[in-house]
Amino acid sequence: MNLTRRDAVKLTGAGAVVLLTGCTPSQIEQTIEGILTESAAITKAAGQIAWSQDLTTAAADVQLAWNTYQAGANATTAQKLVSVLNAVIAVTAAVLPNDPYASLIDELVALVELGINLLTSKSAPTPAVAAHTLGRTNPHIGAVPTPTSAAEAKTRWNAKAIGPLAKAAI
């Protein structure tokens, strides 16, 4: 069987959903970080060094988000949410810009950026984005303009969720 990058992501994602049912937030974080770390090791062994580095950085960003989330009284709810949203953005860097799903990932990142902008000032990047931009630049950040409303985000998403991506329509 010739396993493509997209197939590996689908299998990993499907397995993670089954695996994480009924888990605590800590178990979910550890599982996601573990999947990213093991995926990085596998892709490195397969000679996919750039992809391995993206997955390694994504694992570190998930850990950074978890540390902020765990800060308890030392972190505001907004800081916790921004950290988690930045981890989502950081993980998207592993999706190649020529992947069939890349247009939807671009829209997802723009929507997450809107959420971050609503929770914090636009002037400085938050830790997870800053950490990931030290490596390869995430091609999905700034790929499309940030939507101005939920209605616009939904319209743009559905305009791209056509053909083989039609099941992703919302």
N, C-alpha and C. Protein backbone atom coordinates (compact mmCIF):
# COMPACT_ATOMS: atom_id res chain seq x y z
N MET A 1 0.85 -1.18 0.00
CA MET A 1 0.00 0.00 0.00
C MET A 1 0.88 1.23 0.00
N ASN A 2 0.62 2.15 -0.89
CA ASN A 2 1.36 3.40 -0.96
C ASN A 2 0.60 4.45 -0.16
N LEU A 3 1.08 4.77 1.04
CA LEU A 3 0.41 5.71 1.94
C LEU A 3 0.88 7.13 1.63
N THR A 4 -0.06 7.98 1.23
CA THR A 4 0.28 9.37 0.97
C THR A 4 0.22 10.16 2.26
N ARG A 5 0.74 11.36 2.20
CA ARG A 5 0.73 12.24 3.36
C ARG A 5 -0.71 12.50 3.82
N ARG A 6 -1.61 12.74 2.88
CA ARG A 6 -3.00 13.00 3.19
C ARG A 6 -3.64 11.79 3.86
N ASP A 7 -3.35 10.57 3.35
CA ASP A 7 -3.89 9.35 3.94
C ASP A 7 -3.40 9.19 5.38
N ALA A 8 -2.14 9.48 5.62
CA ALA A 8 -1.59 9.37 6.97
C ALA A 8 -2.29 10.32 7.93
N VAL A 9 -2.54 11.54 7.48
CA VAL A 9 -3.23 12.52 8.31
C VAL A 9 -4.65 12.06 8.60
N LYS A 10 -5.35 11.54 7.58
CA LYS A 10 -6.72 11.05 7.78
C LYS A 10 -6.75 9.91 8.79
N LEU A 11 -5.85 8.95 8.64
CA LEU A 11 -5.81 7.81 9.55
C LEU A 11 -5.48 8.24 10.97
N THR A 12 -4.51 9.12 11.10
CA THR A 12 -4.12 9.60 12.42
C THR A 12 -5.27 10.35 13.07
N GLY A 13 -5.93 11.22 12.30
CA GLY A 13 -7.05 11.99 12.84
C GLY A 13 -8.20 11.10 13.26
N ALA A 14 -8.55 10.13 12.43
CA ALA A 14 -9.65 9.21 12.76
C ALA A 14 -9.31 8.39 14.00
N GLY A 15 -8.08 7.91 14.07
CA GLY A 15 -7.66 7.15 15.23
C GLY A 15 -7.65 7.98 16.49
N ALA A 16 -7.25 9.23 16.38
CA ALA A 16 -7.21 10.12 17.54
C ALA A 16 -8.60 10.37 18.08
N VAL A 17 -9.60 10.54 17.21
CA VAL A 17 -10.97 10.78 17.67
C VAL A 17 -11.47 9.60 18.48
N VAL A 18 -11.24 8.39 17.98
CA VAL A 18 -11.67 7.20 18.72
C VAL A 18 -10.88 7.08 20.02
N LEU A 19 -9.59 7.31 19.96
CA LEU A 19 -8.72 7.17 21.10
C LEU A 19 -9.03 8.17 22.21
N LEU A 20 -9.46 9.39 21.85
CA LEU A 20 -9.63 10.46 22.83
C LEU A 20 -11.02 10.53 23.44
N THR A 21 -11.94 9.69 23.01
CA THR A 21 -13.29 9.71 23.56
C THR A 21 -13.23 9.42 25.05
N GLY A 22 -13.79 10.32 25.87
CA GLY A 22 -13.84 10.14 27.31
C GLY A 22 -12.56 10.48 28.06
N CYS A 23 -11.62 11.13 27.41
CA CYS A 23 -10.34 11.47 28.04
C CYS A 23 -10.39 12.81 28.76
N THR A 24 -9.47 13.01 29.69
CA THR A 24 -9.32 14.29 30.36
C THR A 24 -8.55 15.24 29.43
N PRO A 25 -8.61 16.56 29.67
CA PRO A 25 -7.81 17.48 28.85
C PRO A 25 -6.33 17.15 28.84
N SER A 26 -5.80 16.72 29.98
CA SER A 26 -4.38 16.36 30.05
C SER A 26 -4.07 15.16 29.16
N GLN A 27 -4.94 14.15 29.18
CA GLN A 27 -4.74 12.98 28.33
C GLN A 27 -4.83 13.34 26.86
N ILE A 28 -5.74 14.24 26.51
CA ILE A 28 -5.88 14.68 25.12
C ILE A 28 -4.61 15.39 24.68
N GLU A 29 -4.10 16.31 25.51
CA GLU A 29 -2.88 17.05 25.17
C GLU A 29 -1.72 16.09 24.98
N GLN A 30 -1.57 15.13 25.90
CA GLN A 30 -0.46 14.18 25.82
C GLN A 30 -0.58 13.30 24.57
N THR A 31 -1.80 12.92 24.23
CA THR A 31 -1.99 12.08 23.04
C THR A 31 -1.68 12.85 21.77
N ILE A 32 -2.19 14.08 21.67
CA ILE A 32 -1.93 14.89 20.47
C ILE A 32 -0.44 15.16 20.33
N GLU A 33 0.19 15.55 21.43
CA GLU A 33 1.63 15.80 21.39
C GLU A 33 2.39 14.53 21.01
N GLY A 34 1.96 13.39 21.54
CA GLY A 34 2.59 12.12 21.22
C GLY A 34 2.44 11.75 19.75
N ILE A 35 1.24 11.96 19.21
CA ILE A 35 1.01 11.67 17.79
C ILE A 35 1.90 12.54 16.92
N LEU A 36 1.99 13.83 17.26
CA LEU A 36 2.84 14.73 16.47
C LEU A 36 4.31 14.34 16.58
N THR A 37 4.76 14.00 17.79
CA THR A 37 6.16 13.62 18.00
C THR A 37 6.51 12.33 17.26
N GLU A 38 5.64 11.33 17.37
CA GLU A 38 5.89 10.06 16.66
C GLU A 38 5.81 10.25 15.15
N SER A 39 4.88 11.09 14.69
CA SER A 39 4.78 11.37 13.26
C SER A 39 6.05 12.05 12.76
N ALA A 40 6.60 12.94 13.59
CA ALA A 40 7.85 13.61 13.22
C ALA A 40 8.98 12.60 13.10
N ALA A 41 9.04 11.64 14.02
CA ALA A 41 10.10 10.62 13.96
C ALA A 41 9.95 9.75 12.71
N ILE A 42 8.71 9.38 12.39
CA ILE A 42 8.46 8.54 11.21
C ILE A 42 8.82 9.29 9.93
N THR A 43 8.39 10.54 9.83
CA THR A 43 8.67 11.30 8.60
C THR A 43 10.16 11.60 8.47
N LYS A 44 10.84 11.79 9.59
CA LYS A 44 12.29 12.00 9.54
C LYS A 44 12.98 10.74 9.04
N ALA A 45 12.55 9.60 9.55
CA ALA A 45 13.14 8.33 9.11
C ALA A 45 12.87 8.07 7.63
N ALA A 46 11.75 8.61 7.13
CA ALA A 46 11.39 8.44 5.72
C ALA A 46 12.07 9.49 4.84
N GLY A 47 12.90 10.35 5.43
CA GLY A 47 13.62 11.35 4.66
C GLY A 47 12.86 12.64 4.42
N GLN A 48 11.71 12.79 5.05
CA GLN A 48 10.90 14.00 4.90
C GLN A 48 11.27 14.99 6.01
N ILE A 49 12.46 15.56 5.90
CA ILE A 49 13.02 16.39 6.97
C ILE A 49 12.18 17.64 7.24
N ALA A 50 11.77 18.36 6.20
CA ALA A 50 11.00 19.59 6.41
C ALA A 50 9.67 19.30 7.09
N TRP A 51 8.99 18.25 6.64
CA TRP A 51 7.72 17.87 7.26
C TRP A 51 7.95 17.44 8.71
N SER A 52 9.02 16.70 8.96
CA SER A 52 9.35 16.28 10.31
C SER A 52 9.58 17.48 11.22
N GLN A 53 10.28 18.49 10.71
CA GLN A 53 10.53 19.70 11.51
C GLN A 53 9.23 20.42 11.82
N ASP A 54 8.30 20.50 10.84
CA ASP A 54 7.00 21.13 11.07
C ASP A 54 6.23 20.39 12.16
N LEU A 55 6.25 19.07 12.11
CA LEU A 55 5.52 18.28 13.11
C LEU A 55 6.16 18.43 14.49
N THR A 56 7.48 18.49 14.55
CA THR A 56 8.18 18.68 15.82
C THR A 56 7.83 20.04 16.42
N THR A 57 7.83 21.07 15.58
CA THR A 57 7.48 22.41 16.05
C THR A 57 6.02 22.45 16.50
N ALA A 58 5.14 21.78 15.76
CA ALA A 58 3.72 21.74 16.14
C ALA A 58 3.57 21.07 17.51
N ALA A 59 4.32 20.00 17.76
CA ALA A 59 4.26 19.33 19.07
C ALA A 59 4.71 20.28 20.17
N ALA A 60 5.77 21.05 19.91
CA ALA A 60 6.24 22.02 20.90
C ALA A 60 5.20 23.11 21.13
N ASP A 61 4.51 23.52 20.06
CA ASP A 61 3.48 24.55 20.19
C ASP A 61 2.27 24.04 20.97
N VAL A 62 1.92 22.77 20.79
CA VAL A 62 0.83 22.19 21.58
C VAL A 62 1.24 22.18 23.05
N GLN A 63 2.50 21.83 23.34
CA GLN A 63 2.98 21.85 24.72
C GLN A 63 2.95 23.26 25.29
N LEU A 64 3.35 24.25 24.50
CA LEU A 64 3.31 25.65 24.93
C LEU A 64 1.88 26.06 25.26
N ALA A 65 0.93 25.70 24.40
CA ALA A 65 -0.47 26.03 24.65
C ALA A 65 -0.96 25.37 25.93
N TRP A 66 -0.57 24.11 26.14
CA TRP A 66 -0.99 23.40 27.34
C TRP A 66 -0.41 24.05 28.59
N ASN A 67 0.85 24.47 28.52
CA ASN A 67 1.47 25.13 29.68
C ASN A 67 0.73 26.41 30.04
N THR A 68 0.32 27.17 29.04
CA THR A 68 -0.44 28.40 29.29
C THR A 68 -1.81 28.05 29.87
N TYR A 69 -2.44 27.02 29.30
CA TYR A 69 -3.75 26.59 29.78
C TYR A 69 -3.66 26.15 31.24
N GLN A 70 -2.58 25.47 31.59
CA GLN A 70 -2.40 24.95 32.94
C GLN A 70 -1.97 26.04 33.94
N ALA A 71 -1.67 27.24 33.47
CA ALA A 71 -1.18 28.29 34.36
C ALA A 71 -2.22 28.72 35.39
N GLY A 72 -3.44 28.23 35.25
CA GLY A 72 -4.48 28.49 36.25
C GLY A 72 -4.73 29.96 36.47
N ALA A 73 -4.62 30.37 37.71
CA ALA A 73 -4.93 31.76 38.07
C ALA A 73 -3.94 32.74 37.46
N ASN A 74 -2.77 32.27 37.02
CA ASN A 74 -1.77 33.15 36.43
C ASN A 74 -2.08 33.49 34.98
N ALA A 75 -3.04 32.82 34.38
CA ALA A 75 -3.41 33.09 32.98
C ALA A 75 -4.90 33.41 32.92
N THR A 76 -5.22 34.44 32.17
CA THR A 76 -6.63 34.79 32.00
C THR A 76 -7.28 33.82 31.03
N THR A 77 -8.58 33.81 31.02
CA THR A 77 -9.30 32.95 30.07
C THR A 77 -8.91 33.32 28.65
N ALA A 78 -8.78 34.62 28.37
CA ALA A 78 -8.40 35.07 27.02
C ALA A 78 -7.01 34.55 26.67
N GLN A 79 -6.06 34.61 27.59
CA GLN A 79 -4.71 34.10 27.32
C GLN A 79 -4.73 32.61 27.03
N LYS A 80 -5.55 31.88 27.76
CA LYS A 80 -5.67 30.44 27.53
C LYS A 80 -6.24 30.17 26.14
N LEU A 81 -7.29 30.89 25.78
CA LEU A 81 -7.90 30.70 24.47
C LEU A 81 -6.95 31.07 23.34
N VAL A 82 -6.25 32.18 23.49
CA VAL A 82 -5.29 32.60 22.46
C VAL A 82 -4.20 31.56 22.29
N SER A 83 -3.73 31.01 23.39
CA SER A 83 -2.69 29.99 23.32
C SER A 83 -3.17 28.75 22.56
N VAL A 84 -4.38 28.31 22.86
CA VAL A 84 -4.94 27.14 22.16
C VAL A 84 -5.15 27.46 20.68
N LEU A 85 -5.67 28.65 20.37
CA LEU A 85 -5.88 29.03 18.97
C LEU A 85 -4.56 29.10 18.21
N ASN A 86 -3.52 29.59 18.86
CA ASN A 86 -2.21 29.64 18.21
C ASN A 86 -1.65 28.24 17.98
N ALA A 87 -1.96 27.32 18.87
CA ALA A 87 -1.52 25.93 18.66
C ALA A 87 -2.21 25.37 17.42
N VAL A 88 -3.48 25.70 17.23
CA VAL A 88 -4.21 25.26 16.02
C VAL A 88 -3.51 25.81 14.78
N ILE A 89 -3.18 27.10 14.80
CA ILE A 89 -2.50 27.72 13.66
C ILE A 89 -1.14 27.05 13.42
N ALA A 90 -0.40 26.82 14.49
CA ALA A 90 0.93 26.23 14.35
C ALA A 90 0.87 24.84 13.71
N VAL A 91 -0.12 24.04 14.10
CA VAL A 91 -0.24 22.69 13.55
C VAL A 91 -0.55 22.73 12.05
N THR A 92 -1.25 23.78 11.60
CA THR A 92 -1.59 23.87 10.17
C THR A 92 -0.37 24.06 9.28
N ALA A 93 0.75 24.46 9.85
CA ALA A 93 1.96 24.66 9.05
C ALA A 93 2.42 23.37 8.39
N ALA A 94 2.01 22.23 8.94
CA ALA A 94 2.41 20.94 8.37
C ALA A 94 1.61 20.59 7.11
N VAL A 95 0.56 21.36 6.80
CA VAL A 95 -0.23 21.12 5.58
C VAL A 95 0.41 21.92 4.45
N LEU A 96 0.83 21.22 3.42
CA LEU A 96 1.50 21.88 2.29
C LEU A 96 0.54 22.81 1.56
N PRO A 97 1.03 23.93 1.03
CA PRO A 97 0.16 24.87 0.33
C PRO A 97 -0.47 24.30 -0.94
N ASN A 98 0.06 23.23 -1.51
CA ASN A 98 -0.52 22.63 -2.71
C ASN A 98 -1.42 21.44 -2.40
N ASP A 99 -1.68 21.18 -1.11
CA ASP A 99 -2.58 20.11 -0.72
C ASP A 99 -4.01 20.49 -1.13
N PRO A 100 -4.83 19.52 -1.53
CA PRO A 100 -6.21 19.85 -1.92
C PRO A 100 -7.02 20.55 -0.83
N TYR A 101 -6.66 20.31 0.42
CA TYR A 101 -7.38 20.93 1.53
C TYR A 101 -6.79 22.29 1.92
N ALA A 102 -5.74 22.73 1.30
CA ALA A 102 -5.03 23.95 1.69
C ALA A 102 -5.93 25.18 1.66
N SER A 103 -6.84 25.28 0.69
CA SER A 103 -7.71 26.45 0.62
C SER A 103 -8.62 26.53 1.85
N LEU A 104 -9.07 25.38 2.33
CA LEU A 104 -9.89 25.38 3.54
C LEU A 104 -9.05 25.65 4.78
N ILE A 105 -7.81 25.16 4.78
CA ILE A 105 -6.91 25.45 5.90
C ILE A 105 -6.63 26.95 5.96
N ASP A 106 -6.45 27.58 4.79
CA ASP A 106 -6.25 29.04 4.75
C ASP A 106 -7.42 29.77 5.41
N GLU A 107 -8.63 29.32 5.09
CA GLU A 107 -9.83 29.94 5.68
C GLU A 107 -9.91 29.67 7.18
N LEU A 108 -9.54 28.46 7.60
CA LEU A 108 -9.54 28.14 9.02
C LEU A 108 -8.57 29.04 9.77
N VAL A 109 -7.37 29.20 9.24
CA VAL A 109 -6.37 30.05 9.89
C VAL A 109 -6.85 31.50 9.96
N ALA A 110 -7.46 32.00 8.89
CA ALA A 110 -7.99 33.37 8.90
C ALA A 110 -9.06 33.52 9.97
N LEU A 111 -9.92 32.52 10.11
CA LEU A 111 -10.97 32.58 11.13
C LEU A 111 -10.38 32.52 12.53
N VAL A 112 -9.37 31.68 12.73
CA VAL A 112 -8.71 31.61 14.03
C VAL A 112 -8.02 32.94 14.34
N GLU A 113 -7.41 33.55 13.32
CA GLU A 113 -6.78 34.86 13.52
C GLU A 113 -7.82 35.90 13.94
N LEU A 114 -9.02 35.83 13.37
CA LEU A 114 -10.10 36.74 13.78
C LEU A 114 -10.39 36.54 15.26
N GLY A 115 -10.49 35.29 15.70
CA GLY A 115 -10.72 35.02 17.11
C GLY A 115 -9.62 35.57 18.00
N ILE A 116 -8.39 35.39 17.57
CA ILE A 116 -7.25 35.91 18.34
C ILE A 116 -7.31 37.44 18.41
N ASN A 117 -7.62 38.07 17.28
CA ASN A 117 -7.70 39.53 17.25
C ASN A 117 -8.80 40.05 18.16
N LEU A 118 -9.88 39.28 18.31
CA LEU A 118 -10.95 39.70 19.21
C LEU A 118 -10.55 39.55 20.67
N LEU A 119 -9.62 38.64 20.96
CA LEU A 119 -9.22 38.38 22.33
C LEU A 119 -8.01 39.17 22.80
N THR A 120 -7.25 39.71 21.87
CA THR A 120 -6.00 40.37 22.24
C THR A 120 -5.69 41.49 21.26
N SER A 121 -4.64 42.23 21.53
CA SER A 121 -4.24 43.29 20.60
C SER A 121 -3.60 42.67 19.37
N LYS A 122 -3.64 43.36 18.25
CA LYS A 122 -3.06 42.87 17.00
C LYS A 122 -1.57 43.20 16.89
N SER A 123 -1.05 43.94 17.86
CA SER A 123 0.29 44.49 17.71
C SER A 123 1.42 43.48 17.85
N ALA A 124 1.24 42.44 18.66
CA ALA A 124 2.35 41.51 18.88
C ALA A 124 1.89 40.07 18.69
N PRO A 125 2.72 39.24 18.06
CA PRO A 125 2.34 37.83 17.93
C PRO A 125 2.34 37.16 19.29
N THR A 126 1.48 36.19 19.47
CA THR A 126 1.45 35.46 20.73
C THR A 126 2.49 34.35 20.68
N PRO A 127 2.84 33.76 21.82
CA PRO A 127 3.98 32.84 21.87
C PRO A 127 4.00 31.71 20.86
N ALA A 128 2.88 31.01 20.64
CA ALA A 128 2.91 29.85 19.74
C ALA A 128 3.21 30.26 18.31
N VAL A 129 2.60 31.34 17.83
CA VAL A 129 2.88 31.80 16.47
C VAL A 129 4.34 32.24 16.38
N ALA A 130 4.80 32.98 17.38
CA ALA A 130 6.19 33.43 17.38
C ALA A 130 7.15 32.24 17.37
N ALA A 131 6.84 31.21 18.15
CA ALA A 131 7.71 30.03 18.21
C ALA A 131 7.74 29.33 16.86
N HIS A 132 6.62 29.21 16.21
CA HIS A 132 6.59 28.48 14.95
C HIS A 132 7.24 29.27 13.82
N THR A 133 7.16 30.58 13.85
CA THR A 133 7.75 31.36 12.77
C THR A 133 9.27 31.40 12.85
N LEU A 134 9.85 30.86 13.93
CA LEU A 134 11.30 30.75 13.99
C LEU A 134 11.80 29.70 13.00
N GLY A 135 10.96 28.72 12.71
CA GLY A 135 11.31 27.69 11.73
C GLY A 135 10.83 28.16 10.37
N ARG A 136 10.22 27.24 9.63
CA ARG A 136 9.66 27.61 8.33
C ARG A 136 8.40 28.44 8.54
N THR A 137 8.18 29.37 7.67
CA THR A 137 7.00 30.21 7.76
C THR A 137 5.76 29.39 7.44
N ASN A 138 4.70 29.59 8.22
CA ASN A 138 3.44 28.92 7.97
C ASN A 138 2.80 29.56 6.73
N PRO A 139 2.65 28.80 5.64
CA PRO A 139 2.12 29.39 4.41
C PRO A 139 0.65 29.77 4.49
N HIS A 140 -0.02 29.35 5.54
CA HIS A 140 -1.45 29.63 5.67
C HIS A 140 -1.74 30.92 6.41
N ILE A 141 -0.75 31.46 7.11
CA ILE A 141 -0.94 32.72 7.82
C ILE A 141 -0.91 33.85 6.79
N GLY A 142 -1.98 34.60 6.74
CA GLY A 142 -2.08 35.72 5.79
C GLY A 142 -2.37 35.31 4.36
N ALA A 143 -2.65 34.03 4.12
CA ALA A 143 -2.93 33.56 2.75
C ALA A 143 -4.23 34.14 2.22
N VAL A 144 -5.18 34.38 3.11
CA VAL A 144 -6.45 35.03 2.75
C VAL A 144 -6.73 36.09 3.80
N PRO A 145 -7.48 37.12 3.45
CA PRO A 145 -7.79 38.16 4.44
C PRO A 145 -8.61 37.60 5.60
N THR A 146 -8.44 38.18 6.76
CA THR A 146 -9.23 37.79 7.92
C THR A 146 -10.68 38.19 7.67
N PRO A 147 -11.63 37.28 7.89
CA PRO A 147 -13.03 37.64 7.68
C PRO A 147 -13.48 38.71 8.68
N THR A 148 -14.49 39.45 8.32
CA THR A 148 -14.98 40.51 9.20
C THR A 148 -16.16 40.06 10.04
N SER A 149 -16.73 38.90 9.72
CA SER A 149 -17.87 38.39 10.48
C SER A 149 -17.97 36.88 10.31
N ALA A 150 -18.77 36.27 11.15
CA ALA A 150 -19.00 34.83 11.05
C ALA A 150 -19.72 34.50 9.74
N ALA A 151 -20.64 35.37 9.34
CA ALA A 151 -21.37 35.14 8.09
C ALA A 151 -20.43 35.15 6.89
N GLU A 152 -19.51 36.10 6.87
CA GLU A 152 -18.54 36.16 5.78
C GLU A 152 -17.64 34.92 5.79
N ALA A 153 -17.20 34.51 6.98
CA ALA A 153 -16.35 33.32 7.09
C ALA A 153 -17.07 32.09 6.55
N LYS A 154 -18.35 31.94 6.90
CA LYS A 154 -19.12 30.78 6.44
C LYS A 154 -19.31 30.82 4.93
N THR A 155 -19.60 31.99 4.38
CA THR A 155 -19.79 32.13 2.93
C THR A 155 -18.50 31.78 2.19
N ARG A 156 -17.38 32.31 2.66
CA ARG A 156 -16.09 32.02 2.01
C ARG A 156 -15.74 30.55 2.11
N TRP A 157 -15.96 29.95 3.29
CA TRP A 157 -15.67 28.53 3.49
C TRP A 157 -16.47 27.69 2.50
N ASN A 158 -17.78 27.93 2.47
CA ASN A 158 -18.65 27.13 1.61
C ASN A 158 -18.36 27.34 0.12
N ALA A 159 -17.86 28.51 -0.24
CA ALA A 159 -17.49 28.76 -1.64
C ALA A 159 -16.31 27.89 -2.05
N LYS A 160 -15.48 27.52 -1.09
CA LYS A 160 -14.30 26.68 -1.38
C LYS A 160 -14.57 25.20 -1.13
N ALA A 161 -15.62 24.89 -0.40
CA ALA A 161 -15.96 23.50 -0.09
C ALA A 161 -16.83 22.93 -1.20
N ILE A 162 -16.20 22.75 -2.36
CA ILE A 162 -16.91 22.24 -3.53
C ILE A 162 -16.15 21.04 -4.10
N GLY A 163 -16.78 20.33 -5.00
CA GLY A 163 -16.13 19.17 -5.61
C GLY A 163 -15.78 18.14 -4.56
N PRO A 164 -14.54 17.67 -4.54
CA PRO A 164 -14.15 16.65 -3.56
C PRO A 164 -14.16 17.16 -2.11
N LEU A 165 -14.24 18.47 -1.92
CA LEU A 165 -14.26 19.04 -0.56
C LEU A 165 -15.69 19.33 -0.09
N ALA A 166 -16.70 18.95 -0.86
CA ALA A 166 -18.09 19.30 -0.57
C ALA A 166 -18.55 18.83 0.81
N LYS A 167 -18.02 17.74 1.30
CA LYS A 167 -18.42 17.25 2.62
C LYS A 167 -17.98 18.18 3.74
N ALA A 168 -17.09 19.09 3.45
CA ALA A 168 -16.60 20.03 4.47
C ALA A 168 -17.48 21.27 4.59
N ALA A 169 -18.50 21.40 3.73
CA ALA A 169 -19.37 22.57 3.78
C ALA A 169 -20.07 22.67 5.13
N ILE A 170 -20.28 23.91 5.56
CA ILE A 170 -20.98 24.14 6.84
C ILE A 170 -22.25 24.94 6.63
